[in-house]
Amino acid sequence: MSAGELACTYAVLILHDDGIPVTAEKIAALVKAAKVSVEPYWPGLFAKLAEKRNIGDLITNVGSGGGAAPMAVAASGGGAAPAAAAPAAEEKKEEPKEESDDDMGFSLFD
């Protein structure tokens, strides 16, 4: 990540934290005030991102790895919705097995 990208990222976070609408002009103003040189297209790209995505959700889901979207089950009078949710609840994520050094034929202390 370049210094310009990082500066724009921090500018978006600052604007979001202060409750100020994120625009390309405001990002550029913050970056200029910080005396950071950025390519002219970065503020616009980050403003478009902030326009399309909820910054608060991006912050809270930083470690999620962009997995599947959460499934919402609607409560209804019929019995079909709970039956459809049961198979999804039973699925479990298979954790990858860690590789050991023994399998590679060498050790750290050989």
C-alpha atoms as a PDB file:
ATOM      1  CA  MET A   1       0.000   0.000   0.000  1.00  0.00           C
ATOM      2  CA  SER A   2       1.417   3.343  -1.030  1.00  0.00           C
ATOM      3  CA  ALA A   3       1.578   6.409   1.193  1.00  0.00           C
ATOM      4  CA  GLY A   4      -1.181   8.008  -0.889  1.00  0.00           C
ATOM      5  CA  GLU A   5      -3.535   5.061  -0.390  1.00  0.00           C
ATOM      6  CA  LEU A   6      -2.806   5.017   3.322  1.00  0.00           C
ATOM      7  CA  ALA A   7      -3.395   8.770   3.617  1.00  0.00           C
ATOM      8  CA  CYS A   8      -6.743   8.460   1.831  1.00  0.00           C
ATOM      9  CA  THR A   9      -7.708   5.529   4.051  1.00  0.00           C
ATOM     10  CA  TYR A  10      -6.986   7.552   7.174  1.00  0.00           C
ATOM     11  CA  ALA A  11      -8.851  10.546   5.737  1.00  0.00           C
ATOM     12  CA  VAL A  12     -11.956   8.406   5.133  1.00  0.00           C
ATOM     13  CA  LEU A  13     -11.728   7.010   8.667  1.00  0.00           C
ATOM     14  CA  ILE A  14     -11.394  10.514  10.128  1.00  0.00           C
ATOM     15  CA  LEU A  15     -14.390  11.802   8.173  1.00  0.00           C
ATOM     16  CA  HIS A  16     -16.479   8.760   9.117  1.00  0.00           C
ATOM     17  CA  ASP A  17     -15.511   9.056  12.785  1.00  0.00           C
ATOM     18  CA  ASP A  18     -16.546  12.720  12.844  1.00  0.00           C
ATOM     19  CA  GLY A  19     -19.844  11.956  11.106  1.00  0.00           C
ATOM     20  CA  ILE A  20     -18.931  14.105   8.090  1.00  0.00           C
ATOM     21  CA  PRO A  21     -20.069  12.916   4.639  1.00  0.00           C
ATOM     22  CA  VAL A  22     -17.125  11.430   2.744  1.00  0.00           C
ATOM     23  CA  THR A  23     -16.429  13.270  -0.524  1.00  0.00           C
ATOM     24  CA  ALA A  24     -13.405  13.437  -2.792  1.00  0.00           C
ATOM     25  CA  GLU A  25     -12.941  17.127  -1.965  1.00  0.00           C
ATOM     26  CA  LYS A  26     -12.905  16.508   1.784  1.00  0.00           C
ATOM     27  CA  ILE A  27     -10.484  13.598   1.429  1.00  0.00           C
ATOM     28  CA  ALA A  28      -8.199  15.748  -0.736  1.00  0.00           C
ATOM     29  CA  ALA A  29      -8.392  18.598   1.797  1.00  0.00           C
ATOM     30  CA  LEU A  30      -7.397  16.318   4.692  1.00  0.00           C
ATOM     31  CA  VAL A  31      -4.555  14.778   2.698  1.00  0.00           C
ATOM     32  CA  LYS A  32      -3.328  18.239   1.682  1.00  0.00           C
ATOM     33  CA  ALA A  33      -3.488  19.428   5.311  1.00  0.00           C
ATOM     34  CA  ALA A  34      -1.348  16.432   6.276  1.00  0.00           C
ATOM     35  CA  LYS A  35       1.161  17.461   3.582  1.00  0.00           C
ATOM     36  CA  VAL A  36       0.981  14.084   1.854  1.00  0.00           C
ATOM     37  CA  SER A  37       1.329  13.902  -1.913  1.00  0.00           C
ATOM     38  CA  VAL A  38      -1.237  11.592  -3.546  1.00  0.00           C
ATOM     39  CA  GLU A  39      -2.181  10.778  -7.103  1.00  0.00           C
ATOM     40  CA  PRO A  40      -5.231  12.861  -8.065  1.00  0.00           C
ATOM     41  CA  TYR A  41      -7.462   9.821  -8.632  1.00  0.00           C
ATOM     42  CA  TRP A  42      -7.145   8.336  -5.124  1.00  0.00           C
ATOM     43  CA  PRO A  43      -9.563  10.687  -3.303  1.00  0.00           C
ATOM     44  CA  GLY A  44     -12.253  10.047  -5.924  1.00  0.00           C
ATOM     45  CA  LEU A  45     -11.834   6.281  -5.716  1.00  0.00           C
ATOM     46  CA  PHE A  46     -12.047   6.290  -1.937  1.00  0.00           C
ATOM     47  CA  ALA A  47     -15.093   8.601  -2.044  1.00  0.00           C
ATOM     48  CA  LYS A  48     -16.850   6.175  -4.428  1.00  0.00           C
ATOM     49  CA  LEU A  49     -16.021   3.293  -2.087  1.00  0.00           C
ATOM     50  CA  ALA A  50     -17.457   5.188   0.873  1.00  0.00           C
ATOM     51  CA  GLU A  51     -20.542   5.985  -1.189  1.00  0.00           C
ATOM     52  CA  LYS A  52     -21.206   2.345  -2.071  1.00  0.00           C
ATOM     53  CA  ARG A  53     -20.124   0.611   1.138  1.00  0.00           C
ATOM     54  CA  ASN A  54     -20.891   1.306   4.779  1.00  0.00           C
ATOM     55  CA  ILE A  55     -17.587   2.313   6.381  1.00  0.00           C
ATOM     56  CA  GLY A  56     -18.793   1.190   9.812  1.00  0.00           C
ATOM     57  CA  ASP A  57     -19.413  -2.316   8.456  1.00  0.00           C
ATOM     58  CA  LEU A  58     -15.985  -2.385   6.833  1.00  0.00           C
ATOM     59  CA  ILE A  59     -14.368  -1.477  10.142  1.00  0.00           C
ATOM     60  CA  THR A  60     -16.257  -4.064  12.177  1.00  0.00           C
ATOM     61  CA  ASN A  61     -15.700  -6.845   9.620  1.00  0.00           C
ATOM     62  CA  VAL A  62     -11.984  -6.290   9.105  1.00  0.00           C
ATOM     63  CA  GLY A  63     -11.005  -9.767  10.300  1.00  0.00           C
ATOM     64  CA  SER A  64     -13.865 -11.682   8.740  1.00  0.00           C
ATOM     65  CA  GLY A  65     -12.030 -12.371   5.492  1.00  0.00           C
ATOM     66  CA  GLY A  66     -14.972 -11.506   3.280  1.00  0.00           C
ATOM     67  CA  GLY A  67     -16.791 -14.793   3.793  1.00  0.00           C
ATOM     68  CA  ALA A  68     -20.365 -15.566   2.924  1.00  0.00           C
ATOM     69  CA  ALA A  69     -23.064 -13.041   3.668  1.00  0.00           C
ATOM     70  CA  PRO A  70     -25.048 -13.650   6.851  1.00  0.00           C
ATOM     71  CA  MET A  71     -28.269 -15.551   6.309  1.00  0.00           C
ATOM     72  CA  ALA A  72     -31.458 -13.915   7.517  1.00  0.00           C
ATOM     73  CA  VAL A  73     -34.344 -16.213   8.349  1.00  0.00           C
ATOM     74  CA  ALA A  74     -37.746 -14.565   8.194  1.00  0.00           C
ATOM     75  CA  ALA A  75     -40.204 -15.572  10.869  1.00  0.00           C
ATOM     76  CA  SER A  76     -43.420 -16.606   9.191  1.00  0.00           C
ATOM     77  CA  GLY A  77     -46.581 -18.503  10.050  1.00  0.00           C
ATOM     78  CA  GLY A  78     -45.663 -21.428   7.795  1.00  0.00           C
ATOM     79  CA  GLY A  79     -43.338 -24.250   8.752  1.00  0.00           C
ATOM     80  CA  ALA A  80     -41.198 -24.005   5.597  1.00  0.00           C
ATOM     81  CA  ALA A  81     -38.765 -21.347   6.853  1.00  0.00           C
ATOM     82  CA  PRO A  82     -37.464 -23.271   9.909  1.00  0.00           C
ATOM     83  CA  ALA A  83     -37.087 -26.448   7.848  1.00  0.00           C
ATOM     84  CA  ALA A  84     -34.988 -24.596   5.263  1.00  0.00           C
ATOM     85  CA  ALA A  85     -32.767 -23.096   7.964  1.00  0.00           C
ATOM     86  CA  ALA A  86     -31.960 -26.455   9.570  1.00  0.00           C
ATOM     87  CA  PRO A  87     -29.523 -27.741   6.880  1.00  0.00           C
ATOM     88  CA  ALA A  88     -27.613 -24.453   6.896  1.00  0.00           C
ATOM     89  CA  ALA A  89     -27.185 -24.624  10.664  1.00  0.00           C
ATOM     90  CA  GLU A  90     -25.812 -28.155  10.457  1.00  0.00           C
ATOM     91  CA  GLU A  91     -23.045 -27.256   8.005  1.00  0.00           C
ATOM     92  CA  LYS A  92     -19.709 -26.742   9.677  1.00  0.00           C
ATOM     93  CA  LYS A  93     -16.638 -25.074   8.292  1.00  0.00           C
ATOM     94  CA  GLU A  94     -13.770 -27.446   7.836  1.00  0.00           C
ATOM     95  CA  GLU A  95     -10.651 -26.006   9.404  1.00  0.00           C
ATOM     96  CA  PRO A  96      -7.442 -26.409   7.428  1.00  0.00           C
ATOM     97  CA  LYS A  97      -4.916 -28.718   9.033  1.00  0.00           C
ATOM     98  CA  GLU A  98      -1.625 -27.201  10.037  1.00  0.00           C
ATOM     99  CA  GLU A  99       1.403 -28.611   8.338  1.00  0.00           C
ATOM    100  CA  SER A 100       4.196 -29.767  10.551  1.00  0.00           C
ATOM    101  CA  ASP A 101       7.925 -29.565   9.866  1.00  0.00           C
ATOM    102  CA  ASP A 102       8.161 -33.350  10.232  1.00  0.00           C
ATOM    103  CA  ASP A 103       6.405 -33.773   6.899  1.00  0.00           C
ATOM    104  CA  MET A 104       9.031 -31.692   5.089  1.00  0.00           C
ATOM    105  CA  GLY A 105      11.987 -33.868   6.002  1.00  0.00           C
ATOM    106  CA  PHE A 106      13.936 -31.240   7.925  1.00  0.00           C
ATOM    107  CA  SER A 107      13.872 -29.546  11.274  1.00  0.00           C
ATOM    108  CA  LEU A 108      14.716 -26.055  12.383  1.00  0.00           C
ATOM    109  CA  PHE A 109      17.491 -27.350  14.636  1.00  0.00           C
ATOM    110  CA  ASP A 110      19.168 -29.870  12.278  1.00  0.00           C
END
